[in-house]
C-alpha atoms as a PDB file:
ATOM      1  CA  MET A   1      -8.504   5.775  26.461  1.00  0.00           C
ATOM      2  CA  ARG A   2      -8.867   8.887  28.614  1.00  0.00           C
ATOM      3  CA  ALA A   3      -5.161   8.934  29.450  1.00  0.00           C
ATOM      4  CA  SER A   4      -4.348   8.745  25.770  1.00  0.00           C
ATOM      5  CA  ARG A   5      -6.779  11.699  25.192  1.00  0.00           C
ATOM      6  CA  LEU A   6      -5.110  13.774  27.911  1.00  0.00           C
ATOM      7  CA  LEU A   7      -1.686  13.185  26.322  1.00  0.00           C
ATOM      8  CA  SER A   8      -2.991  14.106  22.957  1.00  0.00           C
ATOM      9  CA  ILE A   9      -4.573  17.361  24.172  1.00  0.00           C
ATOM     10  CA  LEU A  10      -1.160  18.121  25.667  1.00  0.00           C
ATOM     11  CA  LEU A  11       0.646  17.515  22.416  1.00  0.00           C
ATOM     12  CA  LEU A  12      -1.927  19.407  20.336  1.00  0.00           C
ATOM     13  CA  LEU A  13      -1.548  22.485  22.552  1.00  0.00           C
ATOM     14  CA  GLN A  14       2.285  22.092  22.209  1.00  0.00           C
ATOM     15  CA  THR A  15       2.209  21.882  18.483  1.00  0.00           C
ATOM     16  CA  ARG A  16      -0.663  24.248  17.498  1.00  0.00           C
ATOM     17  CA  GLY A  17      -0.593  26.670  20.295  1.00  0.00           C
ATOM     18  CA  ARG A  18      -3.921  28.160  21.542  1.00  0.00           C
ATOM     19  CA  MET A  19      -6.962  26.026  20.831  1.00  0.00           C
ATOM     20  CA  SER A  20     -10.542  26.673  21.942  1.00  0.00           C
ATOM     21  CA  ALA A  21     -12.575  24.151  23.950  1.00  0.00           C
ATOM     22  CA  GLN A  22     -14.892  23.542  20.908  1.00  0.00           C
ATOM     23  CA  ALA A  23     -11.965  22.797  18.596  1.00  0.00           C
ATOM     24  CA  LEU A  24     -10.591  20.325  21.104  1.00  0.00           C
ATOM     25  CA  ALA A  25     -13.952  18.805  21.473  1.00  0.00           C
ATOM     26  CA  ASP A  26     -14.376  18.508  17.659  1.00  0.00           C
ATOM     27  CA  GLU A  27     -10.879  16.914  17.396  1.00  0.00           C
ATOM     28  CA  PHE A  28     -11.583  14.088  19.902  1.00  0.00           C
ATOM     29  CA  GLU A  29     -15.323  13.817  19.235  1.00  0.00           C
ATOM     30  CA  VAL A  30     -16.281  14.467  22.856  1.00  0.00           C
ATOM     31  CA  SER A  31     -18.401  17.180  24.541  1.00  0.00           C
ATOM     32  CA  VAL A  32     -16.900  20.627  25.515  1.00  0.00           C
ATOM     33  CA  ARG A  33     -17.722  19.788  29.243  1.00  0.00           C
ATOM     34  CA  THR A  34     -15.356  16.661  28.834  1.00  0.00           C
ATOM     35  CA  ILE A  35     -12.682  18.906  27.487  1.00  0.00           C
ATOM     36  CA  TYR A  36     -12.936  21.254  30.473  1.00  0.00           C
ATOM     37  CA  ARG A  37     -12.670  18.237  32.825  1.00  0.00           C
ATOM     38  CA  ASP A  38      -9.598  17.113  30.907  1.00  0.00           C
ATOM     39  CA  VAL A  39      -8.003  20.456  31.133  1.00  0.00           C
ATOM     40  CA  ASP A  40      -8.587  20.567  34.870  1.00  0.00           C
ATOM     41  CA  ASP A  41      -6.962  17.141  35.271  1.00  0.00           C
ATOM     42  CA  LEU A  42      -3.913  18.259  33.262  1.00  0.00           C
ATOM     43  CA  SER A  43      -3.606  21.450  35.557  1.00  0.00           C
ATOM     44  CA  SER A  44      -3.882  19.260  38.636  1.00  0.00           C
ATOM     45  CA  ALA A  45      -1.025  16.974  37.267  1.00  0.00           C
ATOM     46  CA  GLY A  46       1.103  20.022  37.038  1.00  0.00           C
ATOM     47  CA  VAL A  47       0.883  20.793  33.404  1.00  0.00           C
ATOM     48  CA  PRO A  48       1.097  24.624  33.032  1.00  0.00           C
ATOM     49  CA  VAL A  49      -2.016  25.024  30.906  1.00  0.00           C
ATOM     50  CA  TYR A  50      -4.280  28.229  31.189  1.00  0.00           C
ATOM     51  CA  ALA A  51      -7.257  29.715  29.512  1.00  0.00           C
ATOM     52  CA  GLU A  52      -7.557  32.962  27.759  1.00  0.00           C
ATOM     53  CA  ARG A  53     -11.147  34.317  27.692  1.00  0.00           C
ATOM     54  CA  GLY A  54     -12.925  36.147  24.751  1.00  0.00           C
ATOM     55  CA  ARG A  55     -13.665  35.434  21.092  1.00  0.00           C
ATOM     56  CA  ALA A  56     -10.043  34.630  20.284  1.00  0.00           C
ATOM     57  CA  GLY A  57      -9.563  32.778  23.549  1.00  0.00           C
ATOM     58  CA  GLY A  58      -8.825  29.201  24.292  1.00  0.00           C
ATOM     59  CA  PHE A  59      -6.417  26.802  26.177  1.00  0.00           C
ATOM     60  CA  GLN A  60      -2.678  27.143  25.748  1.00  0.00           C
ATOM     61  CA  LEU A  61       0.575  26.082  27.381  1.00  0.00           C
ATOM     62  CA  LEU A  62       2.932  28.309  29.306  1.00  0.00           C
ATOM     63  CA  ASP A  63       5.490  29.588  26.907  1.00  0.00           C
ATOM     64  CA  GLY A  64       8.738  27.334  26.752  1.00  0.00           C
ATOM     65  CA  TYR A  65       6.810  24.210  28.125  1.00  0.00           C
ATOM     66  CA  ARG A  66       7.534  21.256  25.815  1.00  0.00           C
ATOM     67  CA  THR A  67       9.198  17.969  25.634  1.00  0.00           C
ATOM     68  CA  ARG A  68      12.273  17.822  23.350  1.00  0.00           C
ATOM     69  CA  LEU A  69      13.080  14.782  21.185  1.00  0.00           C
ATOM     70  CA  THR A  70      16.871  14.532  21.093  1.00  0.00           C
ATOM     71  CA  GLY A  71      19.295  12.448  19.117  1.00  0.00           C
ATOM     72  CA  MET A  72      17.436  12.568  15.798  1.00  0.00           C
ATOM     73  CA  THR A  73      18.649  14.284  12.623  1.00  0.00           C
ATOM     74  CA  GLN A  74      16.348  16.291  10.291  1.00  0.00           C
ATOM     75  CA  GLN A  75      16.651  13.361   7.769  1.00  0.00           C
ATOM     76  CA  GLU A  76      15.562  10.877  10.263  1.00  0.00           C
ATOM     77  CA  VAL A  77      12.566  12.820  11.229  1.00  0.00           C
ATOM     78  CA  GLU A  78      11.584  13.237   7.551  1.00  0.00           C
ATOM     79  CA  ALA A  79      11.988   9.564   6.908  1.00  0.00           C
ATOM     80  CA  LEU A  80       9.625   8.810   9.850  1.00  0.00           C
ATOM     81  CA  MET A  81       7.076  11.277   8.627  1.00  0.00           C
ATOM     82  CA  LEU A  82       7.042   9.429   5.241  1.00  0.00           C
ATOM     83  CA  SER A  83       7.247   5.880   6.584  1.00  0.00           C
ATOM     84  CA  GLY A  84       3.504   5.084   7.051  1.00  0.00           C
ATOM     85  CA  LEU A  85       1.011   5.129   4.224  1.00  0.00           C
ATOM     86  CA  PRO A  86      -2.428   6.356   5.699  1.00  0.00           C
ATOM     87  CA  GLY A  87      -4.476   3.831   3.544  1.00  0.00           C
ATOM     88  CA  PRO A  88      -2.632   0.667   4.598  1.00  0.00           C
ATOM     89  CA  ALA A  89      -2.383   1.807   8.170  1.00  0.00           C
ATOM     90  CA  ALA A  90      -6.148   2.335   8.328  1.00  0.00           C
ATOM     91  CA  GLU A  91      -6.749  -1.022   6.804  1.00  0.00           C
ATOM     92  CA  LEU A  92      -4.639  -2.596   9.493  1.00  0.00           C
ATOM     93  CA  GLY A  93      -6.707  -0.796  12.098  1.00  0.00           C
ATOM     94  CA  LEU A  94      -3.753   1.533  12.908  1.00  0.00           C
ATOM     95  CA  GLY A  95      -4.940   4.697  11.257  1.00  0.00           C
ATOM     96  CA  GLN A  96      -5.499   6.608  14.543  1.00  0.00           C
ATOM     97  CA  ALA A  97      -2.365   5.119  16.102  1.00  0.00           C
ATOM     98  CA  MET A  98      -0.227   6.335  13.155  1.00  0.00           C
ATOM     99  CA  ALA A  99      -1.746   9.774  13.372  1.00  0.00           C
ATOM    100  CA  ALA A 100      -1.132   9.990  17.082  1.00  0.00           C
ATOM    101  CA  ALA A 101       2.429   8.712  16.823  1.00  0.00           C
ATOM    102  CA  GLN A 102       3.236  11.460  14.111  1.00  0.00           C
ATOM    103  CA  LEU A 103       1.644  13.988  16.294  1.00  0.00           C
ATOM    104  CA  LYS A 104       3.822  12.906  19.251  1.00  0.00           C
ATOM    105  CA  LEU A 105       6.824  12.990  17.060  1.00  0.00           C
ATOM    106  CA  VAL A 106       6.141  16.570  15.823  1.00  0.00           C
ATOM    107  CA  ALA A 107       5.227  17.686  19.290  1.00  0.00           C
ATOM    108  CA  ALA A 108       8.490  16.463  20.776  1.00  0.00           C
ATOM    109  CA  LEU A 109      10.642  18.269  18.185  1.00  0.00           C
ATOM    110  CA  PRO A 110      12.313  21.557  18.923  1.00  0.00           C
ATOM    111  CA  SER A 111      10.319  24.466  17.530  1.00  0.00           C
ATOM    112  CA  GLU A 112      12.728  25.171  14.847  1.00  0.00           C
ATOM    113  CA  ARG A 113      12.319  21.673  13.249  1.00  0.00           C
ATOM    114  CA  ARG A 114       8.509  21.322  13.513  1.00  0.00           C
ATOM    115  CA  GLY A 115       7.893  23.506  10.402  1.00  0.00           C
ATOM    116  CA  GLU A 116      10.116  21.298   8.348  1.00  0.00           C
ATOM    117  CA  ALA A 117       8.487  18.165   9.534  1.00  0.00           C
ATOM    118  CA  GLY A 118       5.054  19.482   8.951  1.00  0.00           C
ATOM    119  CA  ARG A 119       5.921  20.399   5.391  1.00  0.00           C
ATOM    120  CA  ILE A 120       6.498  16.684   4.566  1.00  0.00           C
ATOM    121  CA  ALA A 121       2.801  15.829   4.350  1.00  0.00           C
ATOM    122  CA  ALA A 122       2.098  18.950   2.411  1.00  0.00           C
ATOM    123  CA  ARG A 123       4.655  18.172  -0.281  1.00  0.00           C
ATOM    124  CA  PHE A 124       4.736  14.397  -0.625  1.00  0.00           C
ATOM    125  CA  HIS A 125       1.839  11.931  -1.019  1.00  0.00           C
ATOM    126  CA  LEU A 126       2.259   8.246  -1.654  1.00  0.00           C
ATOM    127  CA  ASP A 127      -0.374   6.383  -3.478  1.00  0.00           C
ATOM    128  CA  PRO A 128       0.390   2.568  -3.954  1.00  0.00           C
ATOM    129  CA  MET A 129      -2.426   1.986  -6.500  1.00  0.00           C
ATOM    130  CA  GLY A 130      -1.906   1.841 -10.182  1.00  0.00           C
ATOM    131  CA  TRP A 131      -3.998   4.045 -12.580  1.00  0.00           C
ATOM    132  CA  TYR A 132      -7.576   2.703 -13.067  1.00  0.00           C
ATOM    133  CA  GLN A 133      -7.085   0.339 -10.147  1.00  0.00           C
ATOM    134  CA  HIS A 134      -9.238   0.182  -7.062  1.00  0.00           C
ATOM    135  CA  ALA A 135      -8.260  -1.137  -3.676  1.00  0.00           C
ATOM    136  CA  GLU A 136      -9.449  -4.663  -3.046  1.00  0.00           C
ATOM    137  CA  ARG A 137     -11.599  -5.518  -0.061  1.00  0.00           C
ATOM    138  CA  ALA A 138      -9.540  -5.260   3.065  1.00  0.00           C
ATOM    139  CA  ASP A 139     -12.193  -5.881   5.888  1.00  0.00           C
ATOM    140  CA  LEU A 140     -10.367  -9.018   6.955  1.00  0.00           C
ATOM    141  CA  VAL A 141      -6.959  -7.297   7.249  1.00  0.00           C
ATOM    142  CA  PRO A 142      -7.336  -6.110  10.952  1.00  0.00           C
ATOM    143  CA  ILE A 143      -8.528  -9.521  11.956  1.00  0.00           C
ATOM    144  CA  LEU A 144      -5.691 -11.201  10.275  1.00  0.00           C
ATOM    145  CA  ALA A 145      -3.210  -8.687  11.748  1.00  0.00           C
ATOM    146  CA  ASN A 146      -4.580  -9.532  15.181  1.00  0.00           C
ATOM    147  CA  ALA A 147      -4.008 -13.260  14.504  1.00  0.00           C
ATOM    148  CA  VAL A 148      -0.520 -12.746  13.240  1.00  0.00           C
ATOM    149  CA  TRP A 149       0.401 -10.632  16.405  1.00  0.00           C
ATOM    150  CA  LYS A 150      -1.163 -13.058  18.834  1.00  0.00           C
ATOM    151  CA  GLU A 151       0.120 -16.169  16.980  1.00  0.00           C
ATOM    152  CA  LEU A 152      -3.380 -17.698  16.793  1.00  0.00           C
ATOM    153  CA  ARG A 153      -4.330 -20.469  14.248  1.00  0.00           C
ATOM    154  CA  ILE A 154      -7.000 -19.643  11.736  1.00  0.00           C
ATOM    155  CA  ARG A 155      -9.349 -21.494   9.502  1.00  0.00           C
ATOM    156  CA  VAL A 156     -10.126 -20.137   6.025  1.00  0.00           C
ATOM    157  CA  ARG A 157     -12.154 -20.989   2.997  1.00  0.00           C
ATOM    158  CA  TYR A 158      -9.815 -19.858   0.111  1.00  0.00           C
ATOM    159  CA  GLU A 159     -10.388 -19.505  -3.532  1.00  0.00           C
ATOM    160  CA  SER A 160      -7.220 -20.438  -5.586  1.00  0.00           C
ATOM    161  CA  TRP A 161      -6.896 -20.566  -9.218  1.00  0.00           C
ATOM    162  CA  LYS A 162      -7.579 -24.216  -9.195  1.00  0.00           C
ATOM    163  CA  ASP A 163     -10.404 -24.643  -6.697  1.00  0.00           C
ATOM    164  CA  THR A 164     -12.044 -23.446  -3.452  1.00  0.00           C
ATOM    165  CA  VAL A 165     -10.410 -25.137  -0.412  1.00  0.00           C
ATOM    166  CA  ASP A 166     -10.622 -25.095   3.454  1.00  0.00           C
ATOM    167  CA  ARG A 167      -7.370 -24.632   5.210  1.00  0.00           C
ATOM    168  CA  GLU A 168      -6.067 -24.392   8.678  1.00  0.00           C
ATOM    169  CA  LEU A 169      -3.181 -21.947   8.748  1.00  0.00           C
ATOM    170  CA  GLU A 170      -0.620 -20.430  11.073  1.00  0.00           C
ATOM    171  CA  PRO A 171      -0.414 -16.800  10.103  1.00  0.00           C
ATOM    172  CA  LEU A 172       3.143 -15.465   9.975  1.00  0.00           C
ATOM    173  CA  GLY A 173       2.774 -12.020   8.447  1.00  0.00           C
ATOM    174  CA  LEU A 174       0.913  -9.660   6.089  1.00  0.00           C
ATOM    175  CA  ALA A 175       2.525  -7.943   3.027  1.00  0.00           C
ATOM    176  CA  MET A 176       1.161  -5.308   0.540  1.00  0.00           C
ATOM    177  CA  LYS A 177       2.035  -5.343  -3.077  1.00  0.00           C
ATOM    178  CA  GLY A 178       0.717  -2.884  -5.542  1.00  0.00           C
ATOM    179  CA  GLY A 179      -2.145  -2.002  -3.278  1.00  0.00           C
ATOM    180  CA  VAL A 180      -3.077  -5.675  -2.705  1.00  0.00           C
ATOM    181  CA  TRP A 181      -2.827  -7.431   0.588  1.00  0.00           C
ATOM    182  CA  TYR A 182      -1.348 -10.899   0.932  1.00  0.00           C
ATOM    183  CA  LEU A 183      -1.205 -13.235   3.987  1.00  0.00           C
ATOM    184  CA  VAL A 184       1.959 -15.256   4.412  1.00  0.00           C
ATOM    185  CA  ALA A 185       0.944 -18.374   6.455  1.00  0.00           C
ATOM    186  CA  ARG A 186       2.392 -21.800   7.269  1.00  0.00           C
ATOM    187  CA  ALA A 187       0.364 -24.772   6.140  1.00  0.00           C
ATOM    188  CA  GLY A 188       1.719 -28.323   6.390  1.00  0.00           C
ATOM    189  CA  GLY A 189       4.978 -27.005   7.892  1.00  0.00           C
ATOM    190  CA  LYS A 190       5.705 -24.806   4.816  1.00  0.00           C
ATOM    191  CA  ALA A 191       5.115 -21.022   4.451  1.00  0.00           C
ATOM    192  CA  ARG A 192       2.778 -20.113   1.592  1.00  0.00           C
ATOM    193  CA  THR A 193       1.200 -16.903   0.313  1.00  0.00           C
ATOM    194  CA  TYR A 194      -2.469 -16.251  -0.028  1.00  0.00           C
ATOM    195  CA  ARG A 195      -4.330 -13.238  -1.481  1.00  0.00           C
ATOM    196  CA  VAL A 196      -6.512 -11.770   1.301  1.00  0.00           C
ATOM    197  CA  SER A 197      -9.301 -10.802  -1.122  1.00  0.00           C
ATOM    198  CA  ASN A 198      -9.583 -14.491  -2.168  1.00  0.00           C
ATOM    199  CA  ILE A 199     -10.403 -15.546   1.508  1.00  0.00           C
ATOM    200  CA  HIS A 200     -14.097 -16.063   1.572  1.00  0.00           C
ATOM    201  CA  THR A 201     -14.535 -17.033   5.209  1.00  0.00           C
ATOM    202  CA  LEU A 202     -12.249 -16.598   8.107  1.00  0.00           C
ATOM    203  CA  ASP A 203     -12.349 -18.093  11.717  1.00  0.00           C
ATOM    204  CA  VAL A 204      -9.760 -17.162  14.303  1.00  0.00           C
ATOM    205  CA  THR A 205      -9.215 -19.997  16.790  1.00  0.00           C
ATOM    206  CA  ALA A 206      -8.004 -19.831  20.342  1.00  0.00           C
ATOM    207  CA  GLN A 207      -5.161 -22.146  19.508  1.00  0.00           C
ATOM    208  CA  ARG A 208      -1.680 -20.733  19.754  1.00  0.00           C
ATOM    209  CA  PHE A 209       1.113 -21.843  17.524  1.00  0.00           C
ATOM    210  CA  MET A 210       4.937 -21.513  17.715  1.00  0.00           C
ATOM    211  CA  ARG A 211       6.230 -18.987  15.246  1.00  0.00           C
ATOM    212  CA  PRO A 212       9.393 -20.273  13.486  1.00  0.00           C
ATOM    213  CA  PRO A 213      12.229 -18.434  15.377  1.00  0.00           C
ATOM    214  CA  ARG A 214      14.297 -17.763  12.148  1.00  0.00           C
ATOM    215  CA  PHE A 215      11.511 -16.743   9.781  1.00  0.00           C
ATOM    216  CA  ASP A 216      12.043 -13.552   8.284  1.00  0.00           C
ATOM    217  CA  LEU A 217       8.997 -12.009   6.493  1.00  0.00           C
ATOM    218  CA  ALA A 218      10.984  -9.579   4.199  1.00  0.00           C
ATOM    219  CA  SER A 219      13.425 -12.303   3.021  1.00  0.00           C
ATOM    220  CA  TYR A 220      10.598 -14.708   2.457  1.00  0.00           C
ATOM    221  CA  TRP A 221       8.564 -12.265   0.481  1.00  0.00           C
ATOM    222  CA  SER A 222      11.593 -11.111  -1.713  1.00  0.00           C
ATOM    223  CA  GLU A 223      12.371 -14.714  -2.705  1.00  0.00           C
ATOM    224  CA  TRP A 224       8.647 -15.633  -3.170  1.00  0.00           C
ATOM    225  CA  ALA A 225       8.065 -12.654  -5.403  1.00  0.00           C
ATOM    226  CA  LYS A 226      11.002 -13.554  -7.625  1.00  0.00           C
ATOM    227  CA  GLU A 227       9.840 -17.181  -7.909  1.00  0.00           C
ATOM    228  CA  PHE A 228       6.244 -15.982  -8.673  1.00  0.00           C
ATOM    229  CA  GLU A 229       7.379 -13.857 -11.535  1.00  0.00           C
ATOM    230  CA  ALA A 230       9.539 -16.655 -12.891  1.00  0.00           C
ATOM    231  CA  ARG A 231       6.477 -18.977 -12.792  1.00  0.00           C
ATOM    232  CA  LEU A 232       4.216 -16.313 -14.311  1.00  0.00           C
ATOM    233  CA  TYR A 233       6.391 -15.712 -17.398  1.00  0.00           C
ATOM    234  CA  ARG A 234       6.929 -19.232 -18.658  1.00  0.00           C
ATOM    235  CA  ASP A 235       7.884 -18.476 -22.260  1.00  0.00           C
ATOM    236  CA  THR A 236       9.527 -15.881 -24.480  1.00  0.00           C
ATOM    237  CA  ALA A 237       8.345 -14.145 -27.718  1.00  0.00           C
ATOM    238  CA  VAL A 238      10.202 -12.272 -30.286  1.00  0.00           C
ATOM    239  CA  VAL A 239       8.670  -9.017 -31.480  1.00  0.00           C
ATOM    240  CA  ARG A 240       9.335  -5.870 -33.461  1.00  0.00           C
ATOM    241  CA  PHE A 241       8.384  -2.323 -32.208  1.00  0.00           C
ATOM    242  CA  SER A 242       8.059   0.806 -34.400  1.00  0.00           C
ATOM    243  CA  PRO A 243       9.559   3.967 -33.212  1.00  0.00           C
ATOM    244  CA  THR A 244       6.154   4.946 -31.766  1.00  0.00           C
ATOM    245  CA  GLY A 245       5.832   1.547 -30.113  1.00  0.00           C
ATOM    246  CA  MET A 246       9.138   1.991 -28.366  1.00  0.00           C
ATOM    247  CA  LYS A 247       7.810   5.306 -26.877  1.00  0.00           C
ATOM    248  CA  ARG A 248       4.624   3.482 -25.705  1.00  0.00           C
ATOM    249  CA  LEU A 249       6.405   0.701 -23.677  1.00  0.00           C
ATOM    250  CA  GLN A 250       4.921   2.043 -20.528  1.00  0.00           C
ATOM    251  CA  TRP A 251       1.522   0.837 -21.836  1.00  0.00           C
ATOM    252  CA  LEU A 252       2.767  -2.724 -21.303  1.00  0.00           C
ATOM    253  CA  THR A 253       3.711  -4.522 -18.081  1.00  0.00           C
ATOM    254  CA  PRO A 254       6.939  -3.425 -16.343  1.00  0.00           C
ATOM    255  CA  ALA A 255       8.489  -6.782 -16.897  1.00  0.00           C
ATOM    256  CA  VAL A 256       7.881  -6.533 -20.660  1.00  0.00           C
ATOM    257  CA  ALA A 257       9.292  -2.968 -20.852  1.00  0.00           C
ATOM    258  CA  VAL A 258      12.396  -4.033 -18.850  1.00  0.00           C
ATOM    259  CA  SER A 259      13.046  -7.047 -21.078  1.00  0.00           C
ATOM    260  CA  VAL A 260      12.687  -4.897 -24.269  1.00  0.00           C
ATOM    261  CA  LYS A 261      15.220  -2.376 -23.100  1.00  0.00           C
ATOM    262  CA  ARG A 262      17.559  -5.348 -22.132  1.00  0.00           C
ATOM    263  CA  THR A 263      17.264  -7.225 -25.303  1.00  0.00           C
ATOM    264  CA  ALA A 264      16.639  -4.691 -27.973  1.00  0.00           C
ATOM    265  CA  ARG A 265      18.798  -4.689 -31.062  1.00  0.00           C
ATOM    266  CA  LYS A 266      19.816  -1.670 -33.169  1.00  0.00           C
ATOM    267  CA  PRO A 267      16.965  -0.171 -35.025  1.00  0.00           C
ATOM    268  CA  ASP A 268      16.598  -1.114 -38.738  1.00  0.00           C
ATOM    269  CA  LYS A 269      16.413   1.376 -41.552  1.00  0.00           C
ATOM    270  CA  SER A 270      12.757   2.088 -40.768  1.00  0.00           C
ATOM    271  CA  GLY A 271      13.513   2.547 -37.103  1.00  0.00           C
ATOM    272  CA  TRP A 272      11.942  -0.728 -36.000  1.00  0.00           C
ATOM    273  CA  VAL A 273      13.484  -2.537 -33.042  1.00  0.00           C
ATOM    274  CA  ARG A 274      13.630  -6.290 -32.593  1.00  0.00           C
ATOM    275  CA  ALA A 275      13.517  -7.509 -28.993  1.00  0.00           C
ATOM    276  CA  GLU A 276      12.482 -10.441 -26.699  1.00  0.00           C
ATOM    277  CA  ILE A 277       9.749 -10.283 -24.151  1.00  0.00           C
ATOM    278  CA  PRO A 278       8.502 -12.745 -21.349  1.00  0.00           C
ATOM    279  CA  ILE A 279       4.998 -14.055 -21.874  1.00  0.00           C
ATOM    280  CA  GLU A 280       2.589 -15.807 -19.511  1.00  0.00           C
ATOM    281  CA  SER A 281       0.661 -17.344 -22.264  1.00  0.00           C
ATOM    282  CA  VAL A 282      -0.288 -16.777 -25.999  1.00  0.00           C
ATOM    283  CA  ASN A 283      -3.689 -15.367 -25.163  1.00  0.00           C
ATOM    284  CA  HIS A 284      -2.369 -13.143 -22.479  1.00  0.00           C
ATOM    285  CA  ALA A 285       0.624 -11.898 -24.702  1.00  0.00           C
ATOM    286  CA  ALA A 286      -1.823 -11.225 -27.531  1.00  0.00           C
ATOM    287  CA  GLY A 287      -3.903  -9.080 -25.326  1.00  0.00           C
ATOM    288  CA  GLU A 288      -0.910  -7.080 -24.166  1.00  0.00           C
ATOM    289  CA  LEU A 289       0.503  -6.508 -27.662  1.00  0.00           C
ATOM    290  CA  LEU A 290      -2.885  -5.452 -28.869  1.00  0.00           C
ATOM    291  CA  LYS A 291      -2.441  -2.399 -26.663  1.00  0.00           C
ATOM    292  CA  LEU A 292       0.108  -1.076 -29.162  1.00  0.00           C
ATOM    293  CA  GLY A 293      -1.999  -1.904 -32.215  1.00  0.00           C
ATOM    294  CA  ALA A 294       0.055  -1.765 -35.522  1.00  0.00           C
ATOM    295  CA  GLU A 295       3.038  -0.320 -33.664  1.00  0.00           C
ATOM    296  CA  VAL A 296       4.295  -3.913 -32.744  1.00  0.00           C
ATOM    297  CA  GLN A 297       4.714  -7.046 -34.724  1.00  0.00           C
ATOM    298  CA  ALA A 298       4.988 -10.622 -33.432  1.00  0.00           C
ATOM    299  CA  ILE A 299       7.744 -12.663 -34.890  1.00  0.00           C
ATOM    300  CA  ALA A 300       7.698 -15.872 -32.881  1.00  0.00           C
ATOM    301  CA  PRO A 301       6.224 -18.106 -31.607  1.00  0.00           C
ATOM    302  CA  VAL A 302       3.942 -18.976 -34.466  1.00  0.00           C
ATOM    303  CA  ALA A 303       1.022 -19.494 -32.158  1.00  0.00           C
ATOM    304  CA  LEU A 304       1.240 -15.866 -31.027  1.00  0.00           C
ATOM    305  CA  ARG A 305       1.259 -14.702 -34.645  1.00  0.00           C
ATOM    306  CA  GLU A 306      -1.701 -16.814 -35.518  1.00  0.00           C
ATOM    307  CA  ARG A 307      -3.665 -15.655 -32.505  1.00  0.00           C
ATOM    308  CA  LEU A 308      -2.990 -11.974 -33.354  1.00  0.00           C
ATOM    309  CA  ARG A 309      -3.989 -12.715 -36.959  1.00  0.00           C
ATOM    310  CA  THR A 310      -7.215 -14.326 -35.864  1.00  0.00           C
ATOM    311  CA  ILE A 311      -8.202 -11.518 -33.552  1.00  0.00           C
ATOM    312  CA  SER A 312      -7.404  -8.848 -36.218  1.00  0.00           C
ATOM    313  CA  ALA A 313      -9.541 -10.764 -38.865  1.00  0.00           C
ATOM    314  CA  GLU A 314     -12.432 -10.934 -36.353  1.00  0.00           C
ATOM    315  CA  MET A 315     -12.196  -7.246 -35.503  1.00  0.00           C
ATOM    316  CA  ASN A 316     -11.894  -6.301 -39.233  1.00  0.00           C
ATOM    317  CA  SER A 317     -14.984  -8.469 -40.044  1.00  0.00           C
ATOM    318  CA  MET A 318     -16.853  -6.880 -37.143  1.00  0.00           C
ATOM    319  CA  TYR A 319     -16.205  -3.249 -38.090  1.00  0.00           C
ATOM    320  CA  ALA A 320     -16.655  -3.999 -41.877  1.00  0.00           C
ATOM    321  CA  ARG A 321     -20.239  -5.036 -41.321  1.00  0.00           C
ATOM    322  CA  THR A 322     -22.774  -2.344 -41.677  1.00  0.00           C
ATOM    323  CA  THR A 323     -25.731  -2.097 -39.385  1.00  0.00           C
ATOM    324  CA  LYS A 324     -29.088  -0.912 -40.664  1.00  0.00           C
ATOM    325  CA  ARG A 325     -30.898   1.626 -38.413  1.00  0.00           C
END
C-alpha cells in the first residue's frame, strides 16, 4: 500500500507539477507528516524531488525528470482513456485501480501529449443507463468478480421468472448490459446467464473448479443475447403508424423501431405507414403501442386489437365519470 502511494506521489508531481504537502495529504487521505516521510523516502531512493518554501511553495520534481511511454500513438492513448467506465469499475471494486492506471498513463506520456489525453475526460462522458432508469444493486459484483478470478465455486439462492431456487455454480465471467450486471456461470456442465440483482444470497466456497479452456465470454454473450431476443419476441403484429407516430418511434423499444424501418411500406394517401413489429405478448405489445396513443393502429393479431379496444373503453369510462367534490 505504501509503495503504491509513493509511486502515485511521484506520478502526481510529474503530471501536476508543484503540489503542497496538504494537497498531497488530502489526495491520499493521510496526514501531512506522512507525506513528509514519503517525500524523504523518495529523495533517499534517488528521485530528484525538492521543496519550495512560502505560501506558493510545495514539492516538485527537477525539471526534465519523467518516465516516457513510447510506442503508443495519440489515438491509442485516447482509446485507453475512454476504455473504462467509472461506474462499472467502481462496482467491480476497481475504481481506485482504474484512476491510478490512468494517472500512470498520463504521467508516462511526453509533455506535449498530456494535454490531449487530459482533454478526453473533459469532453466525453459515457453513461450506460437509459433515461429514467436507475442502477440495480451491485453490492455482490465485487464478491462475484473475486470468485470469477480465483475460479471458486459459489452457492446462490436465485429468483428466476419461474421460481426461487438454490444453485451451486462455477462462475465464468461478468457482463454488463444497459447498466445491468449479469453473471455467466456453469451449472450442470452448461453455461447459463443469471441477473446479479436476482441473487438473494451468495456463498463463495473454497472449492476450486477447472475453467473450460476454450470458453470465450465475449462469444458466449453475443450468441446468448441473440437467442434471448429471439425468445423474448415470440410473435409478430401488423400495425399502422401516422406521420407523427413514425416520428415518435424512439418512444418504443429499439427492436420495434428497427423492425418498423425494415418492414415499412410506402405511406398511403394520408401518410400512414403499415409495418410489422415483433411482440413479446399481447399485453406487453398493448402497453408499448399505448405510448403512441391515437398515432398507431393495430391491424393484427385480432387479440391485440381487442386488448387495445378494451383498454380504450375502460379509460374512456373512467374519464367520463364525474366525481362530486
